[in-house]
């Protein structure tokens, strides 16, 4: 196997993991002295973007059925002329 093949396989593996599996994998990488420095470099960007978007969904729209009718509401907005 080549390094490029290993790299691609690892990407596919991570893409298939559930969120809890990704968190466990990250903890394993962060606990490895040789790999921890790499986790810190990309981790700061990821956690920064996660923090910036954590407010989404907290607004009050005045509608109580938004989560139940989200597909229908999106369709209505997308079909509306601008």
PDB file of N, CA and C in Angstrom:
ATOM      1  N   UNK A   1       0.834  -1.192   0.000  1.00  0.00           N
ATOM      2  CA  UNK A   1       0.000   0.000   0.000  1.00  0.00           C
ATOM      3  C   UNK A   1       0.875   1.251   0.000  1.00  0.00           C
ATOM      4  N   UNK A   2       0.394   2.251  -0.702  1.00  0.00           N
ATOM      5  CA  UNK A   2       1.120   3.515  -0.738  1.00  0.00           C
ATOM      6  C   UNK A   2       0.560   4.460   0.322  1.00  0.00           C
ATOM      7  N   UNK A   3       1.337   5.490   0.605  1.00  0.00           N
ATOM      8  CA  UNK A   3       0.872   6.478   1.585  1.00  0.00           C
ATOM      9  C   UNK A   3      -0.394   7.166   1.089  1.00  0.00           C
ATOM     10  N   UNK A   4      -0.470   7.430  -0.219  1.00  0.00           N
ATOM     11  CA  UNK A   4      -1.666   8.073  -0.779  1.00  0.00           C
ATOM     12  C   UNK A   4      -2.899   7.193  -0.594  1.00  0.00           C
ATOM     13  N   UNK A   5      -2.724   5.894  -0.776  1.00  0.00           N
ATOM     14  CA  UNK A   5      -3.846   4.969  -0.588  1.00  0.00           C
ATOM     15  C   UNK A   5      -4.264   4.949   0.884  1.00  0.00           C
ATOM     16  N   UNK A   6      -3.304   4.913   1.801  1.00  0.00           N
ATOM     17  CA  UNK A   6      -3.619   4.946   3.230  1.00  0.00           C
ATOM     18  C   UNK A   6      -4.374   6.220   3.595  1.00  0.00           C
ATOM     19  N   UNK A   7      -3.929   7.323   3.041  1.00  0.00           N
ATOM     20  CA  UNK A   7      -4.543   8.620   3.310  1.00  0.00           C
ATOM     21  C   UNK A   7      -6.003   8.618   2.851  1.00  0.00           C
ATOM     22  N   UNK A   8      -6.229   8.114   1.645  1.00  0.00           N
ATOM     23  CA  UNK A   8      -7.585   8.055   1.094  1.00  0.00           C
ATOM     24  C   UNK A   8      -8.471   7.122   1.917  1.00  0.00           C
ATOM     25  N   UNK A   9      -7.938   5.971   2.285  1.00  0.00           N
ATOM     26  CA  UNK A   9      -8.701   5.015   3.099  1.00  0.00           C
ATOM     27  C   UNK A   9      -9.079   5.624   4.450  1.00  0.00           C
ATOM     28  N   UNK A  10      -8.155   6.373   5.051  1.00  0.00           N
ATOM     29  CA  UNK A  10      -8.434   6.998   6.344  1.00  0.00           C
ATOM     30  C   UNK A  10      -9.548   8.032   6.214  1.00  0.00           C
ATOM     31  N   UNK A  11      -9.539   8.793   5.136  1.00  0.00           N
ATOM     32  CA  UNK A  11     -10.618   9.761   4.896  1.00  0.00           C
ATOM     33  C   UNK A  11     -11.964   9.053   4.776  1.00  0.00           C
ATOM     34  N   UNK A  12     -11.993   7.958   4.044  1.00  0.00           N
ATOM     35  CA  UNK A  12     -13.245   7.206   3.896  1.00  0.00           C
ATOM     36  C   UNK A  12     -13.701   6.634   5.243  1.00  0.00           C
ATOM     37  N   UNK A  13     -12.768   6.170   6.035  1.00  0.00           N
ATOM     38  CA  UNK A  13     -13.104   5.633   7.354  1.00  0.00           C
ATOM     39  C   UNK A  13     -13.732   6.713   8.232  1.00  0.00           C
ATOM     40  N   UNK A  14     -13.098   7.863   8.290  1.00  0.00           N
ATOM     41  CA  UNK A  14     -13.610   8.955   9.126  1.00  0.00           C
ATOM     42  C   UNK A  14     -14.979   9.412   8.624  1.00  0.00           C
ATOM     43  N   UNK A  15     -15.164   9.448   7.317  1.00  0.00           N
ATOM     44  CA  UNK A  15     -16.456   9.848   6.751  1.00  0.00           C
ATOM     45  C   UNK A  15     -17.582   8.895   7.152  1.00  0.00           C
ATOM     46  N   UNK A  16     -17.258   7.632   7.374  1.00  0.00           N
ATOM     47  CA  UNK A  16     -18.278   6.636   7.723  1.00  0.00           C
ATOM     48  C   UNK A  16     -18.552   6.563   9.232  1.00  0.00           C
ATOM     49  N   UNK A  17     -17.682   7.147  10.034  1.00  0.00           N
ATOM     50  CA  UNK A  17     -17.866   7.067  11.492  1.00  0.00           C
ATOM     51  C   UNK A  17     -19.041   7.922  11.952  1.00  0.00           C
ATOM     52  N   UNK A  18     -19.769   7.442  12.954  1.00  0.00           N
ATOM     53  CA  UNK A  18     -20.800   8.296  13.563  1.00  0.00           C
ATOM     54  C   UNK A  18     -20.108   9.381  14.385  1.00  0.00           C
ATOM     55  N   UNK A  19     -20.801  10.448  14.747  1.00  0.00           N
ATOM     56  CA  UNK A  19     -20.178  11.535  15.511  1.00  0.00           C
ATOM     57  C   UNK A  19     -19.453  11.065  16.779  1.00  0.00           C
ATOM     58  N   UNK A  20     -20.035  10.114  17.486  1.00  0.00           N
ATOM     59  CA  UNK A  20     -19.373   9.610  18.703  1.00  0.00           C
ATOM     60  C   UNK A  20     -18.058   8.917  18.353  1.00  0.00           C
ATOM     61  N   UNK A  21     -18.012   8.228  17.226  1.00  0.00           N
ATOM     62  CA  UNK A  21     -16.786   7.561  16.793  1.00  0.00           C
ATOM     63  C   UNK A  21     -15.707   8.560  16.410  1.00  0.00           C
ATOM     64  N   UNK A  22     -16.111   9.662  15.792  1.00  0.00           N
ATOM     65  CA  UNK A  22     -15.152  10.708  15.437  1.00  0.00           C
ATOM     66  C   UNK A  22     -14.560  11.317  16.701  1.00  0.00           C
ATOM     67  N   UNK A  23     -15.409  11.553  17.711  1.00  0.00           N
ATOM     68  CA  UNK A  23     -14.901  12.107  18.976  1.00  0.00           C
ATOM     69  C   UNK A  23     -13.917  11.146  19.625  1.00  0.00           C
ATOM     70  N   UNK A  24     -14.224   9.854  19.612  1.00  0.00           N
ATOM     71  CA  UNK A  24     -13.312   8.856  20.197  1.00  0.00           C
ATOM     72  C   UNK A  24     -11.999   8.809  19.436  1.00  0.00           C
ATOM     73  N   UNK A  25     -12.073   8.859  18.104  1.00  0.00           N
ATOM     74  CA  UNK A  25     -10.855   8.853  17.299  1.00  0.00           C
ATOM     75  C   UNK A  25     -10.008  10.077  17.598  1.00  0.00           C
ATOM     76  N   UNK A  26     -10.650  11.220  17.720  1.00  0.00           N
ATOM     77  CA  UNK A  26      -9.915  12.452  18.051  1.00  0.00           C
ATOM     78  C   UNK A  26      -9.233  12.331  19.399  1.00  0.00           C
ATOM     79  N   UNK A  27      -9.918  11.771  20.387  1.00  0.00           N
ATOM     80  CA  UNK A  27      -9.301  11.579  21.707  1.00  0.00           C
ATOM     81  C   UNK A  27      -8.092  10.665  21.611  1.00  0.00           C
ATOM     82  N   UNK A  28      -8.192   9.618  20.805  1.00  0.00           N
ATOM     83  CA  UNK A  28      -7.053   8.715  20.630  1.00  0.00           C
ATOM     84  C   UNK A  28      -5.867   9.436  19.996  1.00  0.00           C
ATOM     85  N   UNK A  29      -6.148  10.233  18.977  1.00  0.00           N
ATOM     86  CA  UNK A  29      -5.075  10.971  18.306  1.00  0.00           C
ATOM     87  C   UNK A  29      -4.453  11.985  19.263  1.00  0.00           C
ATOM     88  N   UNK A  30      -5.293  12.699  20.009  1.00  0.00           N
ATOM     89  CA  UNK A  30      -4.779  13.707  20.935  1.00  0.00           C
ATOM     90  C   UNK A  30      -3.979  13.096  22.080  1.00  0.00           C
ATOM     91  N   UNK A  31      -4.248  11.835  22.420  1.00  0.00           N
ATOM     92  CA  UNK A  31      -3.516  11.204  23.515  1.00  0.00           C
ATOM     93  C   UNK A  31      -2.191  10.591  23.058  1.00  0.00           C
ATOM     94  N   UNK A  32      -1.965  10.510  21.752  1.00  0.00           N
ATOM     95  CA  UNK A  32      -0.712   9.974  21.208  1.00  0.00           C
ATOM     96  C   UNK A  32       0.302  11.114  21.099  1.00  0.00           C
ATOM     97  N   UNK A  33       1.443  11.016  21.801  1.00  0.00           N
ATOM     98  CA  UNK A  33       2.422  12.110  21.792  1.00  0.00           C
ATOM     99  C   UNK A  33       2.916  12.494  20.395  1.00  0.00           C
ATOM    100  N   UNK A  34       3.030  11.539  19.493  1.00  0.00           N
ATOM    101  CA  UNK A  34       3.513  11.838  18.147  1.00  0.00           C
ATOM    102  C   UNK A  34       2.445  12.491  17.272  1.00  0.00           C
ATOM    103  N   UNK A  35       1.187  12.191  17.526  1.00  0.00           N
ATOM    104  CA  UNK A  35       0.105  12.701  16.679  1.00  0.00           C
ATOM    105  C   UNK A  35      -0.593  13.930  17.250  1.00  0.00           C
ATOM    106  N   UNK A  36      -0.459  14.167  18.544  1.00  0.00           N
ATOM    107  CA  UNK A  36      -1.191  15.246  19.203  1.00  0.00           C
ATOM    108  C   UNK A  36      -0.907  16.608  18.578  1.00  0.00           C
ATOM    109  N   UNK A  37       0.336  16.837  18.145  1.00  0.00           N
ATOM    110  CA  UNK A  37       0.662  18.148  17.561  1.00  0.00           C
ATOM    111  C   UNK A  37      -0.120  18.397  16.269  1.00  0.00           C
ATOM    112  N   UNK A  38      -0.448  17.340  15.535  1.00  0.00           N
ATOM    113  CA  UNK A  38      -1.215  17.498  14.308  1.00  0.00           C
ATOM    114  C   UNK A  38      -2.690  17.734  14.607  1.00  0.00           C
ATOM    115  N   UNK A  39      -3.195  17.136  15.650  1.00  0.00           N
ATOM    116  CA  UNK A  39      -4.600  17.312  16.027  1.00  0.00           C
ATOM    117  C   UNK A  39      -4.837  18.744  16.485  1.00  0.00           C
ATOM    118  N   UNK A  40      -3.884  19.324  17.165  1.00  0.00           N
ATOM    119  CA  UNK A  40      -4.021  20.698  17.644  1.00  0.00           C
ATOM    120  C   UNK A  40      -4.050  21.710  16.518  1.00  0.00           C
ATOM    121  N   UNK A  41      -3.303  21.450  15.443  1.00  0.00           N
ATOM    122  CA  UNK A  41      -3.221  22.415  14.343  1.00  0.00           C
ATOM    123  C   UNK A  41      -4.553  22.563  13.625  1.00  0.00           C
ATOM    124  N   UNK A  42      -5.172  21.452  13.257  1.00  0.00           N
ATOM    125  CA  UNK A  42      -6.443  21.542  12.541  1.00  0.00           C
ATOM    126  C   UNK A  42      -7.610  21.655  13.505  1.00  0.00           C
ATOM    127  N   UNK A  43      -7.442  21.209  14.730  1.00  0.00           N
ATOM    128  CA  UNK A  43      -8.532  21.230  15.701  1.00  0.00           C
ATOM    129  C   UNK A  43      -8.966  22.618  16.074  1.00  0.00           C
ATOM    130  N   UNK A  44      -8.006  23.565  16.121  1.00  0.00           N
ATOM    131  CA  UNK A  44      -8.387  24.919  16.511  1.00  0.00           C
ATOM    132  C   UNK A  44      -9.307  25.544  15.475  1.00  0.00           C
ATOM    133  N   UNK A  45      -9.059  25.288  14.191  1.00  0.00           N
ATOM    134  CA  UNK A  45      -9.931  25.824  13.151  1.00  0.00           C
ATOM    135  C   UNK A  45     -11.308  25.197  13.241  1.00  0.00           C
ATOM    136  N   UNK A  46     -11.346  23.860  13.449  1.00  0.00           N
ATOM    137  CA  UNK A  46     -12.638  23.173  13.505  1.00  0.00           C
ATOM    138  C   UNK A  46     -13.464  23.640  14.695  1.00  0.00           C
ATOM    139  N   UNK A  47     -12.868  23.701  15.866  1.00  0.00           N
ATOM    140  CA  UNK A  47     -13.643  24.086  17.034  1.00  0.00           C
ATOM    141  C   UNK A  47     -14.050  25.552  16.945  1.00  0.00           C
ATOM    142  N   UNK A  48     -13.236  26.393  16.289  1.00  0.00           N
ATOM    143  CA  UNK A  48     -13.600  27.789  16.086  1.00  0.00           C
ATOM    144  C   UNK A  48     -14.863  27.889  15.246  1.00  0.00           C
ATOM    145  N   UNK A  49     -14.922  27.146  14.118  1.00  0.00           N
ATOM    146  CA  UNK A  49     -16.103  27.213  13.268  1.00  0.00           C
ATOM    147  C   UNK A  49     -17.307  26.598  13.959  1.00  0.00           C
ATOM    148  N   UNK A  50     -17.089  25.573  14.773  1.00  0.00           N
ATOM    149  CA  UNK A  50     -18.188  24.968  15.508  1.00  0.00           C
ATOM    150  C   UNK A  50     -18.752  25.964  16.515  1.00  0.00           C
ATOM    151  N   UNK A  51     -17.888  26.675  17.207  1.00  0.00           N
ATOM    152  CA  UNK A  51     -18.345  27.671  18.172  1.00  0.00           C
ATOM    153  C   UNK A  51     -19.117  28.780  17.488  1.00  0.00           C
ATOM    154  N   UNK A  52     -18.645  29.229  16.330  1.00  0.00           N
ATOM    155  CA  UNK A  52     -19.306  30.322  15.638  1.00  0.00           C
ATOM    156  C   UNK A  52     -20.710  29.950  15.180  1.00  0.00           C
ATOM    157  N   UNK A  53     -20.939  28.680  14.899  1.00  0.00           N
ATOM    158  CA  UNK A  53     -22.242  28.263  14.401  1.00  0.00           C
ATOM    159  C   UNK A  53     -23.147  27.697  15.493  1.00  0.00           C
ATOM    160  N   UNK A  54     -22.677  27.662  16.715  1.00  0.00           N
ATOM    161  CA  UNK A  54     -23.464  27.037  17.768  1.00  0.00           C
ATOM    162  C   UNK A  54     -24.745  27.808  18.101  1.00  0.00           C
ATOM    163  N   UNK A  55     -24.855  29.050  17.647  1.00  0.00           N
ATOM    164  CA  UNK A  55     -26.053  29.835  17.931  1.00  0.00           C
ATOM    165  C   UNK A  55     -27.209  29.505  17.000  1.00  0.00           C
ATOM    166  N   UNK A  56     -26.941  28.806  15.903  1.00  0.00           N
ATOM    167  CA  UNK A  56     -27.990  28.511  14.930  1.00  0.00           C
ATOM    168  C   UNK A  56     -29.107  27.699  15.584  1.00  0.00           C
ATOM    169  N   UNK A  57     -30.299  28.084  15.356  1.00  0.00           N
ATOM    170  CA  UNK A  57     -31.450  27.384  15.905  1.00  0.00           C
ATOM    171  C   UNK A  57     -31.916  27.926  17.249  1.00  0.00           C
ATOM    172  N   UNK A  58     -31.217  28.918  17.791  1.00  0.00           N
ATOM    173  CA  UNK A  58     -31.601  29.449  19.089  1.00  0.00           C
ATOM    174  C   UNK A  58     -32.581  30.613  18.976  1.00  0.00           C
ATOM    175  N   UNK A  59     -32.767  31.151  17.783  1.00  0.00           N
ATOM    176  CA  UNK A  59     -33.652  32.294  17.604  1.00  0.00           C
ATOM    177  C   UNK A  59     -35.112  31.927  17.784  1.00  0.00           C
ATOM    178  N   UNK A  60     -35.881  32.924  18.104  1.00  0.00           N
ATOM    179  CA  UNK A  60     -37.321  32.718  18.267  1.00  0.00           C
ATOM    180  C   UNK A  60     -38.019  33.202  17.005  1.00  0.00           C
ATOM    181  N   UNK A  61     -38.625  32.299  16.276  1.00  0.00           N
ATOM    182  CA  UNK A  61     -39.307  32.666  15.040  1.00  0.00           C
ATOM    183  C   UNK A  61     -40.770  33.012  15.289  1.00  0.00           C
ATOM    184  N   UNK A  62     -41.258  32.702  16.469  1.00  0.00           N
ATOM    185  CA  UNK A  62     -42.661  32.933  16.755  1.00  0.00           C
ATOM    186  C   UNK A  62     -43.543  31.778  16.314  1.00  0.00           C
ATOM    187  N   UNK A  63     -42.946  30.764  15.706  1.00  0.00           N
ATOM    188  CA  UNK A  63     -43.700  29.601  15.249  1.00  0.00           C
ATOM    189  C   UNK A  63     -43.277  28.407  16.089  1.00  0.00           C
ATOM    190  N   UNK A  64     -44.235  27.634  16.521  1.00  0.00           N
ATOM    191  CA  UNK A  64     -43.916  26.484  17.367  1.00  0.00           C
ATOM    192  C   UNK A  64     -43.716  25.200  16.571  1.00  0.00           C
ATOM    193  N   UNK A  65     -44.019  25.237  15.268  1.00  0.00           N
ATOM    194  CA  UNK A  65     -43.979  24.012  14.477  1.00  0.00           C
ATOM    195  C   UNK A  65     -42.820  23.971  13.488  1.00  0.00           C
ATOM    196  N   UNK A  66     -41.805  24.794  13.683  1.00  0.00           N
ATOM    197  CA  UNK A  66     -40.719  24.906  12.713  1.00  0.00           C
ATOM    198  C   UNK A  66     -39.988  23.576  12.533  1.00  0.00           C
ATOM    199  N   UNK A  67     -39.649  22.913  13.601  1.00  0.00           N
ATOM    200  CA  UNK A  67     -38.890  21.666  13.466  1.00  0.00           C
ATOM    201  C   UNK A  67     -39.732  20.560  12.836  1.00  0.00           C
ATOM    202  N   UNK A  68     -41.020  20.564  13.082  1.00  0.00           N
ATOM    203  CA  UNK A  68     -41.885  19.530  12.529  1.00  0.00           C
ATOM    204  C   UNK A  68     -42.174  19.765  11.045  1.00  0.00           C
ATOM    205  N   UNK A  69     -42.174  21.034  10.618  1.00  0.00           N
ATOM    206  CA  UNK A  69     -42.534  21.360   9.240  1.00  0.00           C
ATOM    207  C   UNK A  69     -41.367  21.947   8.454  1.00  0.00           C
ATOM    208  N   UNK A  70     -40.127  21.667   8.849  1.00  0.00           N
ATOM    209  CA  UNK A  70     -38.983  22.315   8.226  1.00  0.00           C
ATOM    210  C   UNK A  70     -38.909  22.066   6.717  1.00  0.00           C
ATOM    211  N   UNK A  71     -39.198  20.840   6.262  1.00  0.00           N
ATOM    212  CA  UNK A  71     -39.158  20.560   4.821  1.00  0.00           C
ATOM    213  C   UNK A  71     -40.169  21.421   4.064  1.00  0.00           C
ATOM    214  N   UNK A  72     -41.371  21.476   4.580  1.00  0.00           N
ATOM    215  CA  UNK A  72     -42.420  22.251   3.931  1.00  0.00           C
ATOM    216  C   UNK A  72     -42.082  23.748   3.925  1.00  0.00           C
ATOM    217  N   UNK A  73     -41.578  24.251   5.034  1.00  0.00           N
ATOM    218  CA  UNK A  73     -41.229  25.666   5.124  1.00  0.00           C
ATOM    219  C   UNK A  73     -40.096  26.025   4.169  1.00  0.00           C
ATOM    220  N   UNK A  74     -39.103  25.151   4.054  1.00  0.00           N
ATOM    221  CA  UNK A  74     -38.011  25.397   3.113  1.00  0.00           C
ATOM    222  C   UNK A  74     -38.519  25.418   1.679  1.00  0.00           C
ATOM    223  N   UNK A  75     -39.384  24.472   1.352  1.00  0.00           N
ATOM    224  CA  UNK A  75     -39.953  24.431   0.000  1.00  0.00           C
ATOM    225  C   UNK A  75     -40.713  25.726  -0.301  1.00  0.00           C
ATOM    226  N   UNK A  76     -41.504  26.193   0.658  1.00  0.00           N
ATOM    227  CA  UNK A  76     -42.252  27.430   0.461  1.00  0.00           C
ATOM    228  C   UNK A  76     -41.310  28.595   0.190  1.00  0.00           C
ATOM    229  N   UNK A  77     -40.227  28.690   0.939  1.00  0.00           N
ATOM    230  CA  UNK A  77     -39.283  29.799   0.769  1.00  0.00           C
ATOM    231  C   UNK A  77     -38.531  29.682  -0.555  1.00  0.00           C
ATOM    232  N   UNK A  78     -38.154  28.477  -0.948  1.00  0.00           N
ATOM    233  CA  UNK A  78     -37.411  28.300  -2.183  1.00  0.00           C
ATOM    234  C   UNK A  78     -38.274  28.526  -3.426  1.00  0.00           C
ATOM    235  N   UNK A  79     -39.567  28.240  -3.307  1.00  0.00           N
ATOM    236  CA  UNK A  79     -40.475  28.420  -4.444  1.00  0.00           C
ATOM    237  C   UNK A  79     -40.921  29.871  -4.600  1.00  0.00           C
ATOM    238  N   UNK A  80     -40.727  30.658  -3.573  1.00  0.00           N
ATOM    239  CA  UNK A  80     -41.148  32.048  -3.612  1.00  0.00           C
ATOM    240  C   UNK A  80     -40.247  32.881  -4.522  1.00  0.00           C
ATOM    241  N   UNK A  81     -40.817  33.723  -5.412  1.00  0.00           N
ATOM    242  CA  UNK A  81     -39.955  34.577  -6.250  1.00  0.00           C
ATOM    243  C   UNK A  81     -39.245  35.612  -5.396  1.00  0.00           C
ATOM    244  N   UNK A  82     -38.022  35.953  -5.806  1.00  0.00           N
ATOM    245  CA  UNK A  82     -37.263  36.922  -5.001  1.00  0.00           C
ATOM    246  C   UNK A  82     -37.607  38.343  -5.316  1.00  0.00           C
TER     247      UNK A  82
END
